[in-house]
């Protein structure tokens, strides 16, 4: 694996140069928030930031996506698959928790038997440059409790770690190695690797929130009807903020939109927090209240995904904790479940 030292003065300029030749999405200030957006020309990305408001899953699993088009003719319906192909894209400055979320989405959308061609194509054409959290930004972060760490390389093609005077660039995959000619620098050696390991260990120690995320699976296996679920949901507004900001939530709805004789089939993000998500055509809804919906959210992340893929469907980014309008805290929920 190739490792290089990239000076801090040079890094933003390198990314700006790449933005003049290809599609580069990076963290940029938008009002009082930081969002991933397309860089234009030699525009330079934001390097000193905590995390973005929006998780970058939108680039692989868009909020709205056309699946096919259809036209009514005198001889019947003509169906045409969406012909737009994914473009080569560089996602720069992805935090390790968000890069790791891509591997969790891969488990669902890129299975051996069931593959989502729309997701798979975008994933194949997206190069992920992750930026380690050498100073964990929020008290709400809990990545170490769900199998991650602030300088984890999982899901990244290239990992950048701030060593103080320069960044250590680790080219992890063949896609990452395609950037060798752009990310110019000097070779890194054993001393820089040891420095990185020390920084990563200190960063992991800085994650203050520790929850029993892996320990609650046996409890969830046997407590589906526990009274615990009767009160958990009571202040939830069913706004969907937690699911829309989550890097791993992937509920979607498919609808047909028709105008005249032409129509499109569209996939849109949905949420298990919404009453209509499970409402059937008959009018029956198997999840009548937020009690059932919150139980489903917790069960899916910490039980069902573990059963299906051997991984917790949470990366500990803390977005749902920071942005819930009524302060529902998934960390407290998991901790309380362990006490059942």
C-alpha atoms as a PDB file:
ATOM      1  CA  UNK A   1       0.000   0.000   0.000  1.00  0.00           C
ATOM      2  CA  UNK A   2       1.380   3.371  -1.063  1.00  0.00           C
ATOM      3  CA  UNK A   3       1.709   6.030   1.663  1.00  0.00           C
ATOM      4  CA  UNK A   4       2.633   9.659   1.142  1.00  0.00           C
ATOM      5  CA  UNK A   5       2.933  12.888   3.090  1.00  0.00           C
ATOM      6  CA  UNK A   6       0.883  15.749   1.645  1.00  0.00           C
ATOM      7  CA  UNK A   7       1.568  19.266   2.888  1.00  0.00           C
ATOM      8  CA  UNK A   8      -1.404  21.125   4.328  1.00  0.00           C
ATOM      9  CA  UNK A   9      -0.793  24.045   1.997  1.00  0.00           C
ATOM     10  CA  UNK A  10      -0.970  21.778  -1.039  1.00  0.00           C
ATOM     11  CA  UNK A  11      -3.982  19.594  -0.224  1.00  0.00           C
ATOM     12  CA  UNK A  12      -6.816  22.054  -0.851  1.00  0.00           C
ATOM     13  CA  UNK A  13      -5.170  23.140  -4.091  1.00  0.00           C
ATOM     14  CA  UNK A  14      -4.841  19.530  -5.251  1.00  0.00           C
ATOM     15  CA  UNK A  15      -8.549  18.940  -4.706  1.00  0.00           C
ATOM     16  CA  UNK A  16      -9.338  22.210  -6.447  1.00  0.00           C
ATOM     17  CA  UNK A  17      -7.316  21.105  -9.473  1.00  0.00           C
ATOM     18  CA  UNK A  18      -9.186  17.799  -9.568  1.00  0.00           C
ATOM     19  CA  UNK A  19     -12.487  19.694  -9.486  1.00  0.00           C
ATOM     20  CA  UNK A  20     -11.486  21.333 -12.750  1.00  0.00           C
ATOM     21  CA  UNK A  21     -11.163  17.919 -14.420  1.00  0.00           C
ATOM     22  CA  UNK A  22     -13.878  15.761 -12.838  1.00  0.00           C
ATOM     23  CA  UNK A  23     -16.930  15.816 -10.567  1.00  0.00           C
ATOM     24  CA  UNK A  24     -15.714  16.443  -7.026  1.00  0.00           C
ATOM     25  CA  UNK A  25     -18.079  16.713  -4.079  1.00  0.00           C
ATOM     26  CA  UNK A  26     -16.660  18.039  -0.834  1.00  0.00           C
ATOM     27  CA  UNK A  27     -17.703  19.702   2.437  1.00  0.00           C
ATOM     28  CA  UNK A  28     -18.485  23.388   1.953  1.00  0.00           C
ATOM     29  CA  UNK A  29     -20.049  26.035   4.215  1.00  0.00           C
ATOM     30  CA  UNK A  30     -23.688  26.804   3.470  1.00  0.00           C
ATOM     31  CA  UNK A  31     -24.949  29.441   5.893  1.00  0.00           C
ATOM     32  CA  UNK A  32     -24.374  28.044   9.380  1.00  0.00           C
ATOM     33  CA  UNK A  33     -24.086  24.468   8.102  1.00  0.00           C
ATOM     34  CA  UNK A  34     -21.521  22.351   6.288  1.00  0.00           C
ATOM     35  CA  UNK A  35     -22.890  20.346   3.344  1.00  0.00           C
ATOM     36  CA  UNK A  36     -21.439  18.180   0.611  1.00  0.00           C
ATOM     37  CA  UNK A  37     -21.763  19.942  -2.714  1.00  0.00           C
ATOM     38  CA  UNK A  38     -20.171  19.974  -6.143  1.00  0.00           C
ATOM     39  CA  UNK A  39     -16.962  21.997  -6.358  1.00  0.00           C
ATOM     40  CA  UNK A  40     -16.639  24.278  -9.350  1.00  0.00           C
ATOM     41  CA  UNK A  41     -13.407  25.142 -11.167  1.00  0.00           C
ATOM     42  CA  UNK A  42     -10.506  25.495  -8.762  1.00  0.00           C
ATOM     43  CA  UNK A  43     -12.785  26.048  -5.750  1.00  0.00           C
ATOM     44  CA  UNK A  44     -11.130  24.693  -2.602  1.00  0.00           C
ATOM     45  CA  UNK A  45     -12.890  22.407  -0.104  1.00  0.00           C
ATOM     46  CA  UNK A  46     -13.343  23.036   3.585  1.00  0.00           C
ATOM     47  CA  UNK A  47     -10.731  21.050   5.520  1.00  0.00           C
ATOM     48  CA  UNK A  48     -11.306  22.279   9.075  1.00  0.00           C
ATOM     49  CA  UNK A  49     -14.808  21.097   9.941  1.00  0.00           C
ATOM     50  CA  UNK A  50     -16.531  18.705  12.345  1.00  0.00           C
ATOM     51  CA  UNK A  51     -18.926  16.796  10.100  1.00  0.00           C
ATOM     52  CA  UNK A  52     -21.458  17.595   7.416  1.00  0.00           C
ATOM     53  CA  UNK A  53     -25.126  18.083   8.156  1.00  0.00           C
ATOM     54  CA  UNK A  54     -26.065  15.689   5.357  1.00  0.00           C
ATOM     55  CA  UNK A  55     -24.685  12.168   5.167  1.00  0.00           C
ATOM     56  CA  UNK A  56     -23.089  11.443   1.771  1.00  0.00           C
ATOM     57  CA  UNK A  57     -25.291   8.380   1.111  1.00  0.00           C
ATOM     58  CA  UNK A  58     -27.291  10.605  -1.262  1.00  0.00           C
ATOM     59  CA  UNK A  59     -24.539  10.211  -3.882  1.00  0.00           C
ATOM     60  CA  UNK A  60     -25.033   6.443  -4.019  1.00  0.00           C
ATOM     61  CA  UNK A  61     -28.689   6.214  -3.022  1.00  0.00           C
ATOM     62  CA  UNK A  62     -30.335   9.472  -4.197  1.00  0.00           C
ATOM     63  CA  UNK A  63     -33.352  11.034  -2.506  1.00  0.00           C
ATOM     64  CA  UNK A  64     -35.228  10.736  -5.796  1.00  0.00           C
ATOM     65  CA  UNK A  65     -34.254   8.432  -8.651  1.00  0.00           C
ATOM     66  CA  UNK A  66     -35.937   7.550 -11.938  1.00  0.00           C
ATOM     67  CA  UNK A  67     -35.978   3.780 -12.479  1.00  0.00           C
ATOM     68  CA  UNK A  68     -37.770   3.537 -15.825  1.00  0.00           C
ATOM     69  CA  UNK A  69     -39.985   5.378 -18.293  1.00  0.00           C
ATOM     70  CA  UNK A  70     -43.131   4.118 -19.984  1.00  0.00           C
ATOM     71  CA  UNK A  71     -45.388   5.284 -22.792  1.00  0.00           C
ATOM     72  CA  UNK A  72     -48.936   4.223 -23.685  1.00  0.00           C
ATOM     73  CA  UNK A  73     -49.435   3.518 -27.392  1.00  0.00           C
ATOM     74  CA  UNK A  74     -52.198   2.037 -29.506  1.00  0.00           C
ATOM     75  CA  UNK A  75     -50.365  -1.290 -29.415  1.00  0.00           C
ATOM     76  CA  UNK A  76     -49.837  -1.305 -25.663  1.00  0.00           C
ATOM     77  CA  UNK A  77     -47.231  -0.034 -23.176  1.00  0.00           C
ATOM     78  CA  UNK A  78     -43.614   0.608 -24.138  1.00  0.00           C
ATOM     79  CA  UNK A  79     -41.149   0.394 -21.244  1.00  0.00           C
ATOM     80  CA  UNK A  80     -37.703   1.904 -21.345  1.00  0.00           C
ATOM     81  CA  UNK A  81     -35.060   1.615 -18.662  1.00  0.00           C
ATOM     82  CA  UNK A  82     -33.429   4.801 -17.443  1.00  0.00           C
ATOM     83  CA  UNK A  83     -30.479   5.319 -19.798  1.00  0.00           C
ATOM     84  CA  UNK A  84     -28.613   7.917 -17.775  1.00  0.00           C
ATOM     85  CA  UNK A  85     -25.350   6.405 -16.577  1.00  0.00           C
ATOM     86  CA  UNK A  86     -23.422   7.347 -13.474  1.00  0.00           C
ATOM     87  CA  UNK A  87     -20.451   9.676 -13.876  1.00  0.00           C
ATOM     88  CA  UNK A  88     -17.010   9.210 -12.378  1.00  0.00           C
ATOM     89  CA  UNK A  89     -17.198  11.019  -9.040  1.00  0.00           C
ATOM     90  CA  UNK A  90     -14.772  11.876  -6.254  1.00  0.00           C
ATOM     91  CA  UNK A  91     -16.201  12.223  -2.747  1.00  0.00           C
ATOM     92  CA  UNK A  92     -13.621  14.169  -0.778  1.00  0.00           C
ATOM     93  CA  UNK A  93     -13.468  14.733   2.969  1.00  0.00           C
ATOM     94  CA  UNK A  94     -15.833  11.954   4.007  1.00  0.00           C
ATOM     95  CA  UNK A  95     -15.553  11.238   7.721  1.00  0.00           C
ATOM     96  CA  UNK A  96     -14.712   7.615   8.654  1.00  0.00           C
ATOM     97  CA  UNK A  97     -18.175   6.962  10.107  1.00  0.00           C
ATOM     98  CA  UNK A  98     -19.766   7.959   6.786  1.00  0.00           C
ATOM     99  CA  UNK A  99     -17.234   6.006   4.713  1.00  0.00           C
ATOM    100  CA  UNK A 100     -18.013   2.951   6.817  1.00  0.00           C
ATOM    101  CA  UNK A 101     -21.732   3.446   6.159  1.00  0.00           C
ATOM    102  CA  UNK A 102     -21.089   2.684   2.479  1.00  0.00           C
ATOM    103  CA  UNK A 103     -19.951  -0.845   3.384  1.00  0.00           C
ATOM    104  CA  UNK A 104     -23.178  -1.355   5.343  1.00  0.00           C
ATOM    105  CA  UNK A 105     -25.249  -0.185   2.373  1.00  0.00           C
ATOM    106  CA  UNK A 106     -23.203  -2.506   0.136  1.00  0.00           C
ATOM    107  CA  UNK A 107     -24.448  -5.453   2.189  1.00  0.00           C
ATOM    108  CA  UNK A 108     -28.024  -4.638   1.242  1.00  0.00           C
ATOM    109  CA  UNK A 109     -27.794  -3.209  -2.285  1.00  0.00           C
ATOM    110  CA  UNK A 110     -24.950  -5.367  -3.627  1.00  0.00           C
ATOM    111  CA  UNK A 111     -25.799  -8.896  -2.549  1.00  0.00           C
ATOM    112  CA  UNK A 112     -24.760 -11.920  -4.585  1.00  0.00           C
ATOM    113  CA  UNK A 113     -28.383 -12.917  -5.252  1.00  0.00           C
ATOM    114  CA  UNK A 114     -30.076  -9.523  -5.155  1.00  0.00           C
ATOM    115  CA  UNK A 115     -28.231  -6.544  -6.592  1.00  0.00           C
ATOM    116  CA  UNK A 116     -29.488  -3.008  -7.138  1.00  0.00           C
ATOM    117  CA  UNK A 117     -27.964  -1.965 -10.496  1.00  0.00           C
ATOM    118  CA  UNK A 118     -28.525   1.758  -9.888  1.00  0.00           C
ATOM    119  CA  UNK A 119     -26.617   1.699  -6.582  1.00  0.00           C
ATOM    120  CA  UNK A 120     -23.934  -0.704  -7.819  1.00  0.00           C
ATOM    121  CA  UNK A 121     -23.064   1.450 -10.834  1.00  0.00           C
ATOM    122  CA  UNK A 122     -22.731   4.620  -8.775  1.00  0.00           C
ATOM    123  CA  UNK A 123     -20.680   2.822  -6.139  1.00  0.00           C
ATOM    124  CA  UNK A 124     -18.287   1.474  -8.779  1.00  0.00           C
ATOM    125  CA  UNK A 125     -17.764   4.950 -10.239  1.00  0.00           C
ATOM    126  CA  UNK A 126     -17.308   6.762  -6.920  1.00  0.00           C
ATOM    127  CA  UNK A 127     -13.908   7.187  -5.296  1.00  0.00           C
ATOM    128  CA  UNK A 128     -14.052   7.922  -1.557  1.00  0.00           C
ATOM    129  CA  UNK A 129     -11.378  10.066   0.082  1.00  0.00           C
ATOM    130  CA  UNK A 130     -11.867   9.923   3.851  1.00  0.00           C
ATOM    131  CA  UNK A 131     -10.522  12.431   6.371  1.00  0.00           C
ATOM    132  CA  UNK A 132      -9.761  11.004   9.803  1.00  0.00           C
ATOM    133  CA  UNK A 133     -11.266  12.559  12.939  1.00  0.00           C
ATOM    134  CA  UNK A 134      -8.066  13.177  14.868  1.00  0.00           C
ATOM    135  CA  UNK A 135     -10.090  15.362  17.252  1.00  0.00           C
ATOM    136  CA  UNK A 136     -13.573  13.792  17.621  1.00  0.00           C
ATOM    137  CA  UNK A 137     -15.861  16.793  17.152  1.00  0.00           C
ATOM    138  CA  UNK A 138     -18.985  16.018  19.166  1.00  0.00           C
ATOM    139  CA  UNK A 139     -19.953  14.535  22.520  1.00  0.00           C
ATOM    140  CA  UNK A 140     -22.691  12.742  20.560  1.00  0.00           C
ATOM    141  CA  UNK A 141     -20.217  10.612  18.565  1.00  0.00           C
ATOM    142  CA  UNK A 142     -20.179   6.914  19.502  1.00  0.00           C
ATOM    143  CA  UNK A 143     -18.489   5.190  16.551  1.00  0.00           C
ATOM    144  CA  UNK A 144     -16.317   2.964  18.748  1.00  0.00           C
ATOM    145  CA  UNK A 145     -19.427   1.328  20.236  1.00  0.00           C
ATOM    146  CA  UNK A 146     -20.651   0.079  16.847  1.00  0.00           C
ATOM    147  CA  UNK A 147     -17.413  -1.260  15.398  1.00  0.00           C
ATOM    148  CA  UNK A 148     -15.829   1.899  14.000  1.00  0.00           C
ATOM    149  CA  UNK A 149     -13.171   4.372  15.108  1.00  0.00           C
ATOM    150  CA  UNK A 150     -12.269   8.019  14.373  1.00  0.00           C
ATOM    151  CA  UNK A 151      -9.474   7.056  11.937  1.00  0.00           C
ATOM    152  CA  UNK A 152     -11.052   3.899  10.517  1.00  0.00           C
ATOM    153  CA  UNK A 153     -10.276   3.259   6.844  1.00  0.00           C
ATOM    154  CA  UNK A 154     -13.291   0.983   6.204  1.00  0.00           C
ATOM    155  CA  UNK A 155     -15.163   2.018   3.069  1.00  0.00           C
ATOM    156  CA  UNK A 156     -12.515   4.497   1.922  1.00  0.00           C
ATOM    157  CA  UNK A 157     -10.287   4.327  -1.143  1.00  0.00           C
ATOM    158  CA  UNK A 158      -7.853   6.882   0.249  1.00  0.00           C
ATOM    159  CA  UNK A 159      -7.508   7.883   3.912  1.00  0.00           C
ATOM    160  CA  UNK A 160      -6.025  11.200   5.027  1.00  0.00           C
ATOM    161  CA  UNK A 161      -4.829  11.609   8.612  1.00  0.00           C
ATOM    162  CA  UNK A 162      -3.684  14.962  10.014  1.00  0.00           C
ATOM    163  CA  UNK A 163      -0.210  14.497  11.519  1.00  0.00           C
ATOM    164  CA  UNK A 164       0.152  18.151  12.466  1.00  0.00           C
ATOM    165  CA  UNK A 165       2.445  19.557   9.777  1.00  0.00           C
ATOM    166  CA  UNK A 166       1.134  17.370   6.954  1.00  0.00           C
ATOM    167  CA  UNK A 167      -1.429  14.735   6.048  1.00  0.00           C
ATOM    168  CA  UNK A 168      -0.573  11.073   5.816  1.00  0.00           C
ATOM    169  CA  UNK A 169      -2.246   9.781   2.662  1.00  0.00           C
ATOM    170  CA  UNK A 170      -2.873   6.030   2.502  1.00  0.00           C
ATOM    171  CA  UNK A 171      -3.887   4.751  -0.939  1.00  0.00           C
ATOM    172  CA  UNK A 172      -6.000   1.755   0.056  1.00  0.00           C
ATOM    173  CA  UNK A 173      -7.621   0.422  -3.131  1.00  0.00           C
ATOM    174  CA  UNK A 174      -7.030   0.418  -6.881  1.00  0.00           C
ATOM    175  CA  UNK A 175      -9.462   3.348  -7.157  1.00  0.00           C
ATOM    176  CA  UNK A 176      -7.446   5.194  -4.557  1.00  0.00           C
ATOM    177  CA  UNK A 177      -4.218   4.474  -6.424  1.00  0.00           C
ATOM    178  CA  UNK A 178      -5.591   6.217  -9.497  1.00  0.00           C
ATOM    179  CA  UNK A 179      -5.136   9.441  -7.517  1.00  0.00           C
ATOM    180  CA  UNK A 180      -1.406   8.908  -6.959  1.00  0.00           C
ATOM    181  CA  UNK A 181      -0.465  11.253  -9.780  1.00  0.00           C
ATOM    182  CA  UNK A 182      -2.735  13.996  -8.412  1.00  0.00           C
ATOM    183  CA  UNK A 183      -1.894  13.701  -4.719  1.00  0.00           C
ATOM    184  CA  UNK A 184       1.729  14.620  -5.030  1.00  0.00           C
ATOM    185  CA  UNK A 185       3.882  14.406  -1.935  1.00  0.00           C
ATOM    186  CA  UNK A 186       6.834  12.668  -0.357  1.00  0.00           C
ATOM    187  CA  UNK A 187       7.013   8.989   0.634  1.00  0.00           C
ATOM    188  CA  UNK A 188       5.927   8.229   4.202  1.00  0.00           C
ATOM    189  CA  UNK A 189       7.862   5.783   6.348  1.00  0.00           C
ATOM    190  CA  UNK A 190       7.624   3.804   9.546  1.00  0.00           C
ATOM    191  CA  UNK A 191       7.950   6.893  11.746  1.00  0.00           C
ATOM    192  CA  UNK A 192       4.893   8.523  10.185  1.00  0.00           C
ATOM    193  CA  UNK A 193       2.942   5.269  10.451  1.00  0.00           C
ATOM    194  CA  UNK A 194       3.697   5.032  14.178  1.00  0.00           C
ATOM    195  CA  UNK A 195       2.732   8.685  14.608  1.00  0.00           C
ATOM    196  CA  UNK A 196      -0.561   7.969  12.867  1.00  0.00           C
ATOM    197  CA  UNK A 197      -1.233   4.954  15.089  1.00  0.00           C
ATOM    198  CA  UNK A 198      -0.656   7.049  18.211  1.00  0.00           C
ATOM    199  CA  UNK A 199      -2.969   9.798  16.928  1.00  0.00           C
ATOM    200  CA  UNK A 200      -5.648   7.242  16.051  1.00  0.00           C
ATOM    201  CA  UNK A 201      -5.451   5.617  19.483  1.00  0.00           C
ATOM    202  CA  UNK A 202      -5.751   8.988  21.224  1.00  0.00           C
ATOM    203  CA  UNK A 203      -8.696   9.930  19.015  1.00  0.00           C
ATOM    204  CA  UNK A 204     -10.478   6.671  19.901  1.00  0.00           C
ATOM    205  CA  UNK A 205      -9.963   7.428  23.579  1.00  0.00           C
ATOM    206  CA  UNK A 206     -11.631  10.788  22.967  1.00  0.00           C
ATOM    207  CA  UNK A 207     -14.967   9.158  22.090  1.00  0.00           C
ATOM    208  CA  UNK A 208     -16.730   9.756  25.390  1.00  0.00           C
ATOM    209  CA  UNK A 209     -20.055   8.095  24.589  1.00  0.00           C
ATOM    210  CA  UNK A 210     -19.918   4.351  25.121  1.00  0.00           C
ATOM    211  CA  UNK A 211     -23.089   2.313  24.651  1.00  0.00           C
ATOM    212  CA  UNK A 212     -23.794  -1.450  24.741  1.00  0.00           C
ATOM    213  CA  UNK A 213     -24.719  -1.594  21.051  1.00  0.00           C
ATOM    214  CA  UNK A 214     -23.422  -5.126  20.521  1.00  0.00           C
ATOM    215  CA  UNK A 215     -24.619  -6.438  23.876  1.00  0.00           C
ATOM    216  CA  UNK A 216     -28.345  -5.803  23.393  1.00  0.00           C
ATOM    217  CA  UNK A 217     -28.878  -8.265  20.525  1.00  0.00           C
ATOM    218  CA  UNK A 218     -29.824 -11.231  22.816  1.00  0.00           C
ATOM    219  CA  UNK A 219     -32.257  -8.956  24.691  1.00  0.00           C
ATOM    220  CA  UNK A 220     -33.951  -7.807  21.504  1.00  0.00           C
ATOM    221  CA  UNK A 221     -34.242 -11.431  20.381  1.00  0.00           C
ATOM    222  CA  UNK A 222     -36.541 -12.203  23.308  1.00  0.00           C
ATOM    223  CA  UNK A 223     -38.258  -8.909  24.222  1.00  0.00           C
ATOM    224  CA  UNK A 224     -40.401  -7.999  21.224  1.00  0.00           C
ATOM    225  CA  UNK A 225     -43.505  -7.560  23.423  1.00  0.00           C
ATOM    226  CA  UNK A 226     -41.732  -6.010  26.408  1.00  0.00           C
ATOM    227  CA  UNK A 227     -43.499  -3.103  28.205  1.00  0.00           C
ATOM    228  CA  UNK A 228     -40.365  -1.052  27.490  1.00  0.00           C
ATOM    229  CA  UNK A 229     -41.752  -0.230  24.042  1.00  0.00           C
ATOM    230  CA  UNK A 230     -44.950   1.269  25.503  1.00  0.00           C
ATOM    231  CA  UNK A 231     -43.338   4.553  26.570  1.00  0.00           C
ATOM    232  CA  UNK A 232     -40.242   4.907  24.393  1.00  0.00           C
ATOM    233  CA  UNK A 233     -42.085   6.661  21.564  1.00  0.00           C
ATOM    234  CA  UNK A 234     -44.333   9.062  23.446  1.00  0.00           C
ATOM    235  CA  UNK A 235     -42.686  12.358  22.493  1.00  0.00           C
ATOM    236  CA  UNK A 236     -41.777  11.364  18.915  1.00  0.00           C
ATOM    237  CA  UNK A 237     -43.218  13.738  16.282  1.00  0.00           C
ATOM    238  CA  UNK A 238     -42.846  11.261  13.393  1.00  0.00           C
ATOM    239  CA  UNK A 239     -40.912  13.953  11.508  1.00  0.00           C
ATOM    240  CA  UNK A 240     -38.409  11.521   9.990  1.00  0.00           C
ATOM    241  CA  UNK A 241     -35.377  13.703  10.764  1.00  0.00           C
ATOM    242  CA  UNK A 242     -33.495  10.770  12.322  1.00  0.00           C
ATOM    243  CA  UNK A 243     -33.951   8.554   9.272  1.00  0.00           C
ATOM    244  CA  UNK A 244     -33.313  11.193   6.609  1.00  0.00           C
ATOM    245  CA  UNK A 245     -30.033  12.286   8.200  1.00  0.00           C
ATOM    246  CA  UNK A 246     -28.914   8.736   9.006  1.00  0.00           C
ATOM    247  CA  UNK A 247     -26.049   7.429   6.814  1.00  0.00           C
ATOM    248  CA  UNK A 248     -27.444   3.874   6.810  1.00  0.00           C
ATOM    249  CA  UNK A 249     -31.253   4.216   6.727  1.00  0.00           C
ATOM    250  CA  UNK A 250     -32.473   3.076   3.332  1.00  0.00           C
ATOM    251  CA  UNK A 251     -36.285   2.837   3.378  1.00  0.00           C
ATOM    252  CA  UNK A 252     -37.796   3.843   0.046  1.00  0.00           C
ATOM    253  CA  UNK A 253     -41.096   4.029  -1.802  1.00  0.00           C
ATOM    254  CA  UNK A 254     -41.684   3.454  -5.521  1.00  0.00           C
ATOM    255  CA  UNK A 255     -44.361   5.436  -7.334  1.00  0.00           C
ATOM    256  CA  UNK A 256     -45.522   6.012 -10.907  1.00  0.00           C
ATOM    257  CA  UNK A 257     -46.056   9.551 -12.133  1.00  0.00           C
ATOM    258  CA  UNK A 258     -48.115   9.865 -15.312  1.00  0.00           C
ATOM    259  CA  UNK A 259     -48.886  12.827 -17.558  1.00  0.00           C
ATOM    260  CA  UNK A 260     -50.931  12.055 -20.645  1.00  0.00           C
ATOM    261  CA  UNK A 261     -49.577   8.911 -22.255  1.00  0.00           C
ATOM    262  CA  UNK A 262     -46.104   9.166 -20.719  1.00  0.00           C
ATOM    263  CA  UNK A 263     -44.945   8.272 -17.247  1.00  0.00           C
ATOM    264  CA  UNK A 264     -41.960   7.528 -15.056  1.00  0.00           C
ATOM    265  CA  UNK A 265     -41.377   5.123 -12.193  1.00  0.00           C
ATOM    266  CA  UNK A 266     -39.538   6.883  -9.375  1.00  0.00           C
ATOM    267  CA  UNK A 267     -37.855   5.699  -6.205  1.00  0.00           C
ATOM    268  CA  UNK A 268     -38.016   8.161  -3.294  1.00  0.00           C
ATOM    269  CA  UNK A 269     -36.622   8.042   0.210  1.00  0.00           C
ATOM    270  CA  UNK A 270     -39.198   7.022   2.790  1.00  0.00           C
ATOM    271  CA  UNK A 271     -39.092   6.476   6.535  1.00  0.00           C
ATOM    272  CA  UNK A 272     -40.212   3.802   8.977  1.00  0.00           C
ATOM    273  CA  UNK A 273     -41.225   6.722  11.214  1.00  0.00           C
ATOM    274  CA  UNK A 274     -44.072   7.713   8.863  1.00  0.00           C
ATOM    275  CA  UNK A 275     -47.605   6.293   9.368  1.00  0.00           C
ATOM    276  CA  UNK A 276     -48.094   5.731   5.630  1.00  0.00           C
ATOM    277  CA  UNK A 277     -44.910   3.683   5.225  1.00  0.00           C
ATOM    278  CA  UNK A 278     -46.616   0.416   6.188  1.00  0.00           C
ATOM    279  CA  UNK A 279     -50.228   1.267   5.353  1.00  0.00           C
ATOM    280  CA  UNK A 280     -51.621  -1.357   2.978  1.00  0.00           C
ATOM    281  CA  UNK A 281     -54.067  -0.841   0.125  1.00  0.00           C
ATOM    282  CA  UNK A 282     -56.792  -2.497   2.234  1.00  0.00           C
ATOM    283  CA  UNK A 283     -56.394   0.251   4.811  1.00  0.00           C
ATOM    284  CA  UNK A 284     -54.762  -2.042   7.355  1.00  0.00           C
ATOM    285  CA  UNK A 285     -51.568  -0.785   8.970  1.00  0.00           C
ATOM    286  CA  UNK A 286     -49.472  -3.337  10.913  1.00  0.00           C
ATOM    287  CA  UNK A 287     -47.645  -0.496  12.681  1.00  0.00           C
ATOM    288  CA  UNK A 288     -50.488   1.606  14.038  1.00  0.00           C
ATOM    289  CA  UNK A 289     -48.504   3.937  16.290  1.00  0.00           C
ATOM    290  CA  UNK A 290     -45.035   5.300  16.932  1.00  0.00           C
ATOM    291  CA  UNK A 291     -44.619   2.468  19.429  1.00  0.00           C
ATOM    292  CA  UNK A 292     -44.444  -0.110  16.637  1.00  0.00           C
ATOM    293  CA  UNK A 293     -42.429   2.217  14.415  1.00  0.00           C
ATOM    294  CA  UNK A 294     -39.790   2.973  17.028  1.00  0.00           C
ATOM    295  CA  UNK A 295     -39.559  -0.698  17.905  1.00  0.00           C
ATOM    296  CA  UNK A 296     -38.976  -1.447  14.225  1.00  0.00           C
ATOM    297  CA  UNK A 297     -36.217   1.203  13.983  1.00  0.00           C
ATOM    298  CA  UNK A 298     -34.310  -0.231  16.941  1.00  0.00           C
ATOM    299  CA  UNK A 299     -34.919  -3.840  15.957  1.00  0.00           C
ATOM    300  CA  UNK A 300     -33.765  -3.197  12.406  1.00  0.00           C
ATOM    301  CA  UNK A 301     -30.499  -1.539  13.371  1.00  0.00           C
ATOM    302  CA  UNK A 302     -29.474  -3.728  16.290  1.00  0.00           C
ATOM    303  CA  UNK A 303     -31.183  -7.081  15.640  1.00  0.00           C
ATOM    304  CA  UNK A 304     -32.407  -7.712  12.072  1.00  0.00           C
ATOM    305  CA  UNK A 305     -29.343  -6.297  10.299  1.00  0.00           C
ATOM    306  CA  UNK A 306     -27.131  -8.319  12.623  1.00  0.00           C
ATOM    307  CA  UNK A 307     -29.143 -11.446  11.776  1.00  0.00           C
ATOM    308  CA  UNK A 308     -28.984 -10.796   8.036  1.00  0.00           C
ATOM    309  CA  UNK A 309     -25.490  -9.377   7.568  1.00  0.00           C
ATOM    310  CA  UNK A 310     -23.585  -9.747  10.834  1.00  0.00           C
ATOM    311  CA  UNK A 311     -23.286  -5.977  11.317  1.00  0.00           C
ATOM    312  CA  UNK A 312     -25.054  -3.246  13.281  1.00  0.00           C
ATOM    313  CA  UNK A 313     -26.797  -0.793  10.941  1.00  0.00           C
ATOM    314  CA  UNK A 314     -25.464   2.261  12.758  1.00  0.00           C
ATOM    315  CA  UNK A 315     -22.102   4.016  12.478  1.00  0.00           C
ATOM    316  CA  UNK A 316     -22.370   6.212  15.574  1.00  0.00           C
ATOM    317  CA  UNK A 317     -22.233   9.569  13.777  1.00  0.00           C
ATOM    318  CA  UNK A 318     -24.723  11.085  16.234  1.00  0.00           C
ATOM    319  CA  UNK A 319     -26.708  13.062  13.643  1.00  0.00           C
ATOM    320  CA  UNK A 320     -30.010  11.687  14.904  1.00  0.00           C
ATOM    321  CA  UNK A 321     -29.091  12.698  18.455  1.00  0.00           C
ATOM    322  CA  UNK A 322     -28.055  16.239  17.526  1.00  0.00           C
ATOM    323  CA  UNK A 323     -30.999  16.983  15.267  1.00  0.00           C
ATOM    324  CA  UNK A 324     -34.023  15.347  16.905  1.00  0.00           C
ATOM    325  CA  UNK A 325     -36.423  18.230  17.714  1.00  0.00           C
ATOM    326  CA  UNK A 326     -37.658  16.504  20.896  1.00  0.00           C
ATOM    327  CA  UNK A 327     -34.261  15.159  22.050  1.00  0.00           C
ATOM    328  CA  UNK A 328     -34.884  11.449  21.590  1.00  0.00           C
ATOM    329  CA  UNK A 329     -31.437   9.916  22.085  1.00  0.00           C
ATOM    330  CA  UNK A 330     -30.638   6.530  20.565  1.00  0.00           C
ATOM    331  CA  UNK A 331     -27.701   6.183  22.958  1.00  0.00           C
ATOM    332  CA  UNK A 332     -30.021   6.334  25.975  1.00  0.00           C
ATOM    333  CA  UNK A 333     -32.468   3.940  24.308  1.00  0.00           C
ATOM    334  CA  UNK A 334     -29.754   1.334  23.761  1.00  0.00           C
ATOM    335  CA  UNK A 335     -28.438   1.786  27.297  1.00  0.00           C
ATOM    336  CA  UNK A 336     -31.950   1.398  28.733  1.00  0.00           C
ATOM    337  CA  UNK A 337     -32.552  -1.772  26.710  1.00  0.00           C
ATOM    338  CA  UNK A 338     -29.547  -3.396  28.373  1.00  0.00           C
ATOM    339  CA  UNK A 339     -31.287  -2.847  31.736  1.00  0.00           C
ATOM    340  CA  UNK A 340     -34.474  -4.707  30.739  1.00  0.00           C
END
